[in-house]
């Protein structure tokens, strides 16, 4: 796929600066506006990031729009279809990047200009592999690069557990079912599932499948048609039991993980929820001492499906990355400004602000949060960094297979398909995509 000659564009942009200087300060160019859309970081964090970047670059203005996850990706798809994309878009790896790829610029030369010819050394190899997940055969370009990484897990609310007479996270699936019942009886949602947010349906299923058939789960992520293997069907059966055994709330399939579920969890009305390392950002976003110090919360991995077994292994990798759209190429000045903002978001002032607010885990080597953390937060953060080093990938690369998986998981939850029939439907799509 052709991509923009960034070296030539930088020369053109420098030429514009020289002409402006030659004309005198009275004719100084107005700031260049760079537009940005994303679902993450949340609005307060993004405002602080924008302020830090604009302080470093007074000749640039950033117009950032942050929306909840589901609304954002709906808007992104519509803007791609209508040719109204912003300059920079937030992207997870895999299916969402691949859906947007026809409208994105290859970033290889942008990265080389920002961090040198050996720029890949600044990212863990696993994160770079995920960044290209789902690329067509032979396409080795990068269309997004990671700003931050994540680890998936479940979280529990300590106060809710205490009121339900529970002392610790469930250690087995049977205990998960029993604990959810006790939480419901105590007036809480046992385990909140935003079933209308497909990504989290996918992630819960993946956490289960990591126990029942990790090798085939990883193969499925890269497009292999293995969805009818016994372990993959077994995971779908357990997913269905979350609904039939009332672990998740009634009406889960029409509920949103963000903002609804996260707000209910923060308000203390939910006992358990599938989230991840990004939940630590609430230490900077909330005035509630239980969140500010994380003393009211505890993380755990999806419990062992069999008594005495092991919980799910860590899944994770790229949380959010940034892509540059073809919209940015409408002028050399805007493209140059966009590349500047892109660098600041990943390895500069923007990312430093996000890390300081514990938005998630750093993707760029050497970046670390500044300042002190409460002891409980430090312990959680350090455990996530350790888990990230061995985490297995957690994204589906092919957008068609991803959509098939989501729709069939939702059909299982609704009781309109058996786990075997649902996985057979996903298998058929995967086989067609593999041809």
Protein backbone atom coordinates (compact mmCIF):
# COMPACT_ATOMS: atom_id res chain seq x y z
CA UNK A 1 0.00 0.00 0.00
CA UNK A 2 1.48 3.41 -0.90
CA UNK A 3 2.33 5.71 1.94
CA UNK A 4 3.30 9.34 2.33
CA UNK A 5 6.98 10.34 1.84
CA UNK A 6 7.51 11.82 5.28
CA UNK A 7 11.06 12.95 4.62
CA UNK A 8 9.90 15.11 1.73
CA UNK A 9 7.02 16.45 3.82
CA UNK A 10 9.38 17.46 6.61
CA UNK A 11 11.51 19.36 4.09
CA UNK A 12 8.40 21.10 2.79
CA UNK A 13 7.29 21.97 6.31
CA UNK A 14 10.73 23.43 7.08
CA UNK A 15 10.47 25.42 3.89
CA UNK A 16 7.21 26.93 5.05
CA UNK A 17 8.81 27.90 8.35
CA UNK A 18 11.69 29.56 6.53
CA UNK A 19 9.37 31.59 4.32
CA UNK A 20 7.35 32.72 7.34
CA UNK A 21 10.51 33.81 9.14
CA UNK A 22 11.74 35.66 6.04
CA UNK A 23 8.52 37.68 5.96
CA UNK A 24 9.00 38.87 9.54
CA UNK A 25 7.18 38.28 12.81
CA UNK A 26 4.17 40.30 11.72
CA UNK A 27 3.31 37.52 9.24
CA UNK A 28 3.93 34.59 11.62
CA UNK A 29 1.79 31.60 10.71
CA UNK A 30 -1.26 30.80 12.80
CA UNK A 31 -1.08 27.62 14.91
CA UNK A 32 -1.82 24.42 13.03
CA UNK A 33 -4.82 22.47 14.33
CA UNK A 34 -4.56 18.70 14.76
CA UNK A 35 -7.79 16.77 15.31
CA UNK A 36 -7.89 13.64 17.45
CA UNK A 37 -10.61 11.14 18.36
CA UNK A 38 -10.48 8.27 20.82
CA UNK A 39 -12.29 6.41 23.58
CA UNK A 40 -9.23 6.58 25.83
CA UNK A 41 -7.72 8.23 27.80
CA UNK A 42 -10.77 9.63 29.56
CA UNK A 43 -11.60 13.30 29.01
CA UNK A 44 -9.90 14.77 32.14
CA UNK A 45 -6.67 12.93 31.36
CA UNK A 46 -6.78 13.87 27.68
CA UNK A 47 -7.30 17.55 28.55
CA UNK A 48 -4.17 17.46 30.69
CA UNK A 49 -2.26 15.66 27.93
CA UNK A 50 -3.33 18.24 25.35
CA UNK A 51 -2.28 21.09 27.63
CA UNK A 52 1.17 19.54 28.12
CA UNK A 53 1.71 19.00 24.40
CA UNK A 54 0.52 22.47 23.44
CA UNK A 55 2.81 23.98 26.06
CA UNK A 56 5.77 22.28 24.37
CA UNK A 57 4.53 23.25 20.89
CA UNK A 58 2.85 26.69 20.89
CA UNK A 59 2.48 26.47 17.11
CA UNK A 60 0.08 23.50 17.43
CA UNK A 61 -3.50 23.33 18.67
CA UNK A 62 -5.11 19.96 19.38
CA UNK A 63 -8.86 19.47 19.10
CA UNK A 64 -9.52 16.19 20.93
CA UNK A 65 -12.85 14.35 21.13
CA UNK A 66 -13.25 11.50 23.63
CA UNK A 67 -16.34 9.26 23.59
CA UNK A 68 -17.32 6.08 25.43
CA UNK A 69 -16.05 2.90 23.79
CA UNK A 70 -19.17 1.81 21.90
CA UNK A 71 -20.12 5.31 20.74
CA UNK A 72 -16.56 6.01 19.62
CA UNK A 73 -16.19 3.00 17.36
CA UNK A 74 -19.62 3.61 15.87
CA UNK A 75 -18.58 7.20 15.10
CA UNK A 76 -15.22 6.05 13.74
CA UNK A 77 -16.86 3.66 11.31
CA UNK A 78 -19.30 6.33 10.13
CA UNK A 79 -16.53 8.91 9.66
CA UNK A 80 -14.45 6.44 7.66
CA UNK A 81 -17.40 5.81 5.36
CA UNK A 82 -18.09 9.53 4.89
CA UNK A 83 -14.48 10.68 4.53
CA UNK A 84 -14.58 12.83 7.68
CA UNK A 85 -11.97 11.16 9.86
CA UNK A 86 -9.77 13.28 12.17
CA UNK A 87 -5.98 13.41 11.83
CA UNK A 88 -5.23 10.99 14.67
CA UNK A 89 -7.38 8.10 15.89
CA UNK A 90 -7.10 5.91 18.96
CA UNK A 91 -7.01 2.22 18.07
CA UNK A 92 -6.70 -1.15 19.78
CA UNK A 93 -4.70 -3.73 17.81
CA UNK A 94 -6.31 -6.30 15.60
CA UNK A 95 -9.82 -6.02 14.27
CA UNK A 96 -10.44 -2.32 14.94
CA UNK A 97 -7.14 -1.32 13.36
CA UNK A 98 -7.86 -3.57 10.40
CA UNK A 99 -11.33 -2.10 9.92
CA UNK A 100 -9.75 1.36 9.72
CA UNK A 101 -6.55 0.38 7.87
CA UNK A 102 -7.65 1.52 4.37
CA UNK A 103 -7.89 5.06 5.76
CA UNK A 104 -4.60 5.03 7.69
CA UNK A 105 -1.07 6.03 6.73
CA UNK A 106 1.77 3.54 7.18
CA UNK A 107 3.77 4.73 10.19
CA UNK A 108 7.19 3.20 9.48
CA UNK A 109 8.76 6.45 8.26
CA UNK A 110 6.97 8.49 10.92
CA UNK A 111 8.48 6.26 13.60
CA UNK A 112 11.95 6.43 12.05
CA UNK A 113 11.75 10.24 11.99
CA UNK A 114 10.61 10.30 15.62
CA UNK A 115 12.93 7.73 17.19
CA UNK A 116 15.61 6.84 14.63
CA UNK A 117 16.14 4.04 12.16
CA UNK A 118 16.28 1.48 14.99
CA UNK A 119 13.02 2.76 16.50
CA UNK A 120 11.60 -0.71 17.09
CA UNK A 121 14.01 -1.24 19.99
CA UNK A 122 11.83 1.13 22.04
CA UNK A 123 8.90 -1.30 22.12
CA UNK A 124 8.67 -4.86 23.40
CA UNK A 125 8.59 -7.29 20.45
CA UNK A 126 5.25 -8.70 21.63
CA UNK A 127 3.67 -5.24 21.44
CA UNK A 128 4.98 -4.70 17.91
CA UNK A 129 3.63 -8.10 16.87
CA UNK A 130 0.23 -7.14 18.23
CA UNK A 131 0.38 -3.76 16.49
CA UNK A 132 0.44 -5.59 13.13
CA UNK A 133 -2.10 -8.24 14.11
CA UNK A 134 -4.44 -8.95 11.20
CA UNK A 135 -2.36 -7.29 8.49
CA UNK A 136 -2.84 -8.87 5.05
CA UNK A 137 -0.22 -11.44 4.10
CA UNK A 138 2.99 -9.71 3.06
CA UNK A 139 2.03 -6.33 4.55
CA UNK A 140 4.67 -5.58 7.18
CA UNK A 141 3.77 -1.92 7.72
CA UNK A 142 2.58 -0.49 11.02
CA UNK A 143 -0.74 1.36 10.90
CA UNK A 144 -0.91 1.94 14.64
CA UNK A 145 1.75 2.11 17.32
CA UNK A 146 1.08 1.53 21.01
CA UNK A 147 0.88 4.27 23.59
CA UNK A 148 0.06 1.97 26.49
CA UNK A 149 -0.36 -1.69 27.36
CA UNK A 150 -2.82 -3.56 29.57
CA UNK A 151 -3.51 -6.78 31.45
CA UNK A 152 -7.03 -8.24 31.69
CA UNK A 153 -8.49 -9.54 34.94
CA UNK A 154 -11.52 -9.41 37.19
CA UNK A 155 -11.91 -6.90 40.03
CA UNK A 156 -13.90 -7.20 43.24
CA UNK A 157 -15.34 -4.55 45.57
CA UNK A 158 -14.21 -5.36 49.11
CA UNK A 159 -17.11 -3.57 50.81
CA UNK A 160 -19.70 -5.41 48.73
CA UNK A 161 -18.02 -8.73 49.47
CA UNK A 162 -17.93 -7.97 53.21
CA UNK A 163 -21.64 -7.09 53.29
CA UNK A 164 -22.37 -10.37 51.51
CA UNK A 165 -20.34 -12.27 54.11
CA UNK A 166 -17.47 -12.98 51.71
CA UNK A 167 -13.81 -12.53 52.55
CA UNK A 168 -11.84 -13.26 49.37
CA UNK A 169 -12.24 -13.52 45.60
CA UNK A 170 -13.67 -16.81 44.31
CA UNK A 171 -11.07 -19.51 43.76
CA UNK A 172 -13.23 -21.74 41.53
CA UNK A 173 -16.05 -21.33 39.05
CA UNK A 174 -18.47 -23.02 41.45
CA UNK A 175 -17.50 -20.49 44.07
CA UNK A 176 -17.94 -17.66 41.54
CA UNK A 177 -21.53 -18.83 41.00
CA UNK A 178 -22.15 -19.07 44.75
CA UNK A 179 -20.56 -15.69 45.48
CA UNK A 180 -22.66 -14.00 42.80
CA UNK A 181 -25.79 -15.40 44.45
CA UNK A 182 -24.72 -14.11 47.87
CA UNK A 183 -23.94 -10.68 46.42
CA UNK A 184 -27.36 -10.52 44.75
CA UNK A 185 -29.04 -11.48 48.02
CA UNK A 186 -27.13 -8.66 49.74
CA UNK A 187 -28.47 -6.16 47.19
CA UNK A 188 -25.56 -5.98 44.75
CA UNK A 189 -25.04 -6.95 41.12
CA UNK A 190 -23.00 -10.13 41.41
CA UNK A 191 -20.83 -9.74 38.31
CA UNK A 192 -21.56 -6.92 35.90
CA UNK A 193 -21.27 -7.70 32.19
CA UNK A 194 -21.70 -5.01 29.55
CA UNK A 195 -22.89 -7.46 26.95
CA UNK A 196 -23.67 -4.74 24.41
CA UNK A 197 -19.96 -3.84 24.43
CA UNK A 198 -18.72 -6.69 22.27
CA UNK A 199 -15.07 -6.29 23.18
CA UNK A 200 -15.77 -7.28 26.78
CA UNK A 201 -17.82 -10.30 25.71
CA UNK A 202 -14.80 -11.34 23.66
CA UNK A 203 -12.44 -10.74 26.58
CA UNK A 204 -14.44 -12.73 29.12
CA UNK A 205 -14.70 -15.62 26.67
CA UNK A 206 -10.94 -15.41 26.06
CA UNK A 207 -10.18 -15.54 29.78
CA UNK A 208 -12.22 -18.73 30.00
CA UNK A 209 -10.71 -20.25 26.84
CA UNK A 210 -7.22 -19.54 28.18
CA UNK A 211 -7.98 -22.31 30.68
CA UNK A 212 -9.76 -24.75 28.39
CA UNK A 213 -7.49 -24.51 25.30
CA UNK A 214 -4.85 -21.80 25.32
CA UNK A 215 -2.95 -23.03 22.21
CA UNK A 216 -6.07 -22.99 20.04
CA UNK A 217 -7.19 -19.64 21.49
CA UNK A 218 -3.89 -18.10 20.39
CA UNK A 219 -4.20 -19.76 16.98
CA UNK A 220 -7.75 -18.42 16.62
CA UNK A 221 -6.53 -14.88 17.28
CA UNK A 222 -4.39 -15.05 14.14
CA UNK A 223 -7.15 -16.44 11.94
CA UNK A 224 -6.85 -20.22 12.26
CA UNK A 225 -10.23 -21.99 12.03
CA UNK A 226 -10.12 -23.86 15.34
CA UNK A 227 -13.36 -22.68 16.91
CA UNK A 228 -14.96 -26.13 17.05
CA UNK A 229 -12.08 -27.72 18.95
CA UNK A 230 -13.39 -29.24 22.22
CA UNK A 231 -11.70 -26.66 24.43
CA UNK A 232 -13.11 -23.73 22.46
CA UNK A 233 -16.64 -25.16 22.69
CA UNK A 234 -16.10 -25.87 26.39
CA UNK A 235 -15.22 -22.22 26.94
CA UNK A 236 -18.40 -21.18 25.13
CA UNK A 237 -20.39 -23.48 27.44
CA UNK A 238 -18.92 -21.81 30.53
CA UNK A 239 -19.66 -18.40 28.97
CA UNK A 240 -23.29 -19.47 28.62
CA UNK A 241 -23.41 -20.59 32.24
CA UNK A 242 -22.59 -17.05 33.34
CA UNK A 243 -26.11 -16.25 32.10
CA UNK A 244 -28.03 -19.44 32.91
CA UNK A 245 -26.59 -19.60 36.44
CA UNK A 246 -27.18 -15.87 37.00
CA UNK A 247 -23.57 -14.91 37.61
CA UNK A 248 -24.05 -11.79 35.45
CA UNK A 249 -26.98 -9.43 35.89
CA UNK A 250 -30.36 -9.74 34.20
CA UNK A 251 -30.39 -7.71 30.99
CA UNK A 252 -26.62 -8.00 30.62
CA UNK A 253 -26.77 -8.28 26.83
CA UNK A 254 -28.23 -4.77 26.48
CA UNK A 255 -25.88 -3.20 29.05
CA UNK A 256 -22.74 -1.17 28.38
CA UNK A 257 -19.44 -1.80 30.12
CA UNK A 258 -18.62 1.92 29.80
CA UNK A 259 -19.85 4.24 31.08
CA UNK A 260 -22.72 2.40 32.81
CA UNK A 261 -20.96 -0.59 34.32
CA UNK A 262 -17.80 1.24 35.36
CA UNK A 263 -19.88 3.96 37.04
CA UNK A 264 -21.94 1.38 38.96
CA UNK A 265 -18.77 -0.43 40.03
CA UNK A 266 -17.18 2.81 41.21
CA UNK A 267 -20.39 3.65 43.09
CA UNK A 268 -20.18 0.40 45.05
CA UNK A 269 -23.23 -1.28 43.53
CA UNK A 270 -21.35 -4.15 41.82
CA UNK A 271 -19.46 -6.98 43.47
CA UNK A 272 -17.30 -8.13 40.54
CA UNK A 273 -16.48 -6.89 37.06
CA UNK A 274 -14.20 -7.80 34.17
CA UNK A 275 -11.83 -4.86 33.70
CA UNK A 276 -8.05 -4.66 33.79
CA UNK A 277 -4.98 -2.65 34.66
CA UNK A 278 -6.57 0.61 33.52
CA UNK A 279 -8.85 0.55 36.57
CA UNK A 280 -5.90 2.04 38.48
CA UNK A 281 -6.58 5.38 36.75
CA UNK A 282 -9.39 5.90 39.26
CA UNK A 283 -6.75 6.70 41.86
CA UNK A 284 -6.43 10.06 40.06
CA UNK A 285 -10.00 10.48 38.83
CA UNK A 286 -11.97 9.80 42.01
CA UNK A 287 -12.23 11.51 45.38
CA UNK A 288 -13.46 8.28 46.99
CA UNK A 289 -10.73 7.02 49.36
CA UNK A 290 -11.55 3.41 48.46
CA UNK A 291 -10.67 4.20 44.84
CA UNK A 292 -8.02 6.82 45.46
CA UNK A 293 -5.92 4.32 47.40
CA UNK A 294 -7.41 1.15 45.81
CA UNK A 295 -7.91 -0.09 49.37
CA UNK A 296 -11.53 -0.91 48.50
CA UNK A 297 -10.71 -3.12 45.51
CA UNK A 298 -8.81 -6.30 44.77
CA UNK A 299 -7.87 -7.83 41.43
CA UNK A 300 -7.98 -11.51 40.56
CA UNK A 301 -7.93 -13.68 37.46
CA UNK A 302 -10.90 -15.68 36.20
CA UNK A 303 -11.17 -18.48 38.76
CA UNK A 304 -10.29 -22.09 38.08
CA UNK A 305 -13.03 -23.94 36.24
CA UNK A 306 -12.35 -27.03 38.34
CA UNK A 307 -11.74 -27.12 42.08
CA UNK A 308 -8.03 -27.25 42.77
CA UNK A 309 -7.17 -26.03 39.28
CA UNK A 310 -5.36 -22.88 38.24
CA UNK A 311 -6.94 -19.53 37.48
CA UNK A 312 -6.70 -18.13 33.96
CA UNK A 313 -3.22 -16.95 32.97
CA UNK A 314 -2.69 -13.24 32.27
CA UNK A 315 -3.94 -12.00 28.91
CA UNK A 316 -2.90 -8.60 27.65
CA UNK A 317 -0.74 -6.49 25.42
CA UNK A 318 -1.53 -3.26 23.61
CA UNK A 319 -4.28 -1.24 25.28
CA UNK A 320 -4.40 1.83 23.07
CA UNK A 321 -2.32 2.89 20.12
CA UNK A 322 -2.51 5.79 17.72
CA UNK A 323 -2.98 5.82 13.98
CA UNK A 324 -2.60 8.72 11.56
CA UNK A 325 -5.30 8.99 8.92
CA UNK A 326 -5.04 10.17 5.34
CA UNK A 327 -6.90 13.29 6.47
CA UNK A 328 -3.62 14.52 7.96
CA UNK A 329 -1.99 14.51 4.51
CA UNK A 330 -3.99 17.47 3.20
CA UNK A 331 -1.05 19.83 3.78
CA UNK A 332 2.63 19.46 4.68
CA UNK A 333 2.18 21.74 7.70
CA UNK A 334 -0.69 19.69 9.11
CA UNK A 335 1.10 16.42 8.46
CA UNK A 336 4.21 17.71 10.21
CA UNK A 337 2.15 18.91 13.19
CA UNK A 338 0.31 15.58 13.32
CA UNK A 339 3.61 13.66 13.42
CA UNK A 340 4.76 15.91 16.27
CA UNK A 341 1.62 15.24 18.30
CA UNK A 342 1.86 11.53 17.52
CA UNK A 343 5.35 11.37 19.03
CA UNK A 344 4.31 13.33 22.12
CA UNK A 345 1.39 10.96 22.68
CA UNK A 346 3.62 7.89 22.71
CA UNK A 347 6.95 8.94 24.17
CA UNK A 348 6.65 12.58 25.20
CA UNK A 349 4.71 15.00 27.37
CA UNK A 350 1.32 13.54 26.52
CA UNK A 351 2.17 10.01 27.55
CA UNK A 352 3.97 11.21 30.68
CA UNK A 353 0.77 12.90 31.86
CA UNK A 354 -1.23 9.73 31.13
CA UNK A 355 1.26 7.56 33.03
CA UNK A 356 1.31 9.94 35.98
CA UNK A 357 -2.46 9.46 36.18
CA UNK A 358 -2.00 5.66 35.87
CA UNK A 359 -4.09 5.59 32.72
CA UNK A 360 -2.44 2.21 32.00
CA UNK A 361 0.96 0.54 31.61
CA UNK A 362 3.75 2.08 29.48
CA UNK A 363 4.42 0.69 26.01
CA UNK A 364 7.49 2.80 25.19
CA UNK A 365 10.61 1.51 26.94
CA UNK A 366 11.90 3.75 29.69
CA UNK A 367 8.64 5.58 30.33
CA UNK A 368 7.47 5.37 33.96
CA UNK A 369 4.94 7.16 36.18
CA UNK A 370 6.42 10.06 38.12
CA UNK A 371 5.63 10.76 41.76
CA UNK A 372 4.68 8.50 44.65
CA UNK A 373 1.85 5.98 44.87
CA UNK A 374 -0.09 4.74 47.89
CA UNK A 375 1.35 1.37 48.99
CA UNK A 376 -1.64 -0.66 47.77
CA UNK A 377 -1.50 1.07 44.39
CA UNK A 378 2.24 0.50 44.05
CA UNK A 379 1.77 -3.19 44.81
CA UNK A 380 -0.96 -3.49 42.18
CA UNK A 381 1.02 -1.54 39.60
CA UNK A 382 4.17 -3.59 40.11
CA UNK A 383 2.21 -6.84 39.83
CA UNK A 384 0.73 -5.68 36.52
CA UNK A 385 4.16 -4.82 35.12
CA UNK A 386 5.35 -8.32 36.06
CA UNK A 387 2.25 -9.98 34.56
CA UNK A 388 2.51 -7.98 31.34
CA UNK A 389 5.92 -9.52 30.68
CA UNK A 390 4.36 -12.98 30.32
CA UNK A 391 0.81 -12.10 29.24
CA UNK A 392 -0.67 -13.91 26.25
CA UNK A 393 -2.23 -11.89 23.40
CA UNK A 394 -5.85 -10.89 23.83
CA UNK A 395 -7.16 -9.64 20.48
CA UNK A 396 -8.77 -11.14 17.39
CA UNK A 397 -6.94 -9.96 14.27
CA UNK A 398 -9.60 -10.50 11.60
CA UNK A 399 -12.56 -8.09 11.92
CA UNK A 400 -15.00 -10.46 10.18
CA UNK A 401 -14.17 -13.31 12.55
CA UNK A 402 -14.33 -10.93 15.50
CA UNK A 403 -17.85 -9.81 14.60
CA UNK A 404 -18.93 -13.42 14.13
CA UNK A 405 -17.57 -14.34 17.55
CA UNK A 406 -19.32 -11.44 19.26
CA UNK A 407 -22.69 -12.08 17.66
CA UNK A 408 -22.52 -15.78 18.50
CA UNK A 409 -21.42 -15.19 22.09
CA UNK A 410 -24.41 -12.88 22.45
CA UNK A 411 -26.64 -15.56 20.93
CA UNK A 412 -25.39 -18.02 23.56
CA UNK A 413 -26.12 -15.49 26.28
CA UNK A 414 -29.61 -14.93 24.90
CA UNK A 415 -30.24 -18.67 24.73
CA UNK A 416 -30.92 -18.64 20.99
CA UNK A 417 -27.94 -20.84 20.11
CA UNK A 418 -26.21 -23.69 21.85
CA UNK A 419 -22.48 -23.29 22.48
CA UNK A 420 -21.75 -25.99 19.88
CA UNK A 421 -23.93 -24.35 17.23
CA UNK A 422 -22.51 -20.91 17.95
CA UNK A 423 -18.91 -22.05 17.67
CA UNK A 424 -19.76 -23.93 14.46
CA UNK A 425 -21.03 -20.65 13.03
CA UNK A 426 -17.81 -18.88 13.99
CA UNK A 427 -15.84 -21.78 12.51
CA UNK A 428 -17.62 -21.41 9.18
CA UNK A 429 -16.72 -17.73 9.02
CA UNK A 430 -13.10 -18.43 9.97
CA UNK A 431 -12.82 -21.12 7.29
CA UNK A 432 -14.23 -18.76 4.67
CA UNK A 433 -11.77 -16.05 5.72
CA UNK A 434 -8.86 -18.50 5.55
CA UNK A 435 -9.46 -19.28 1.87
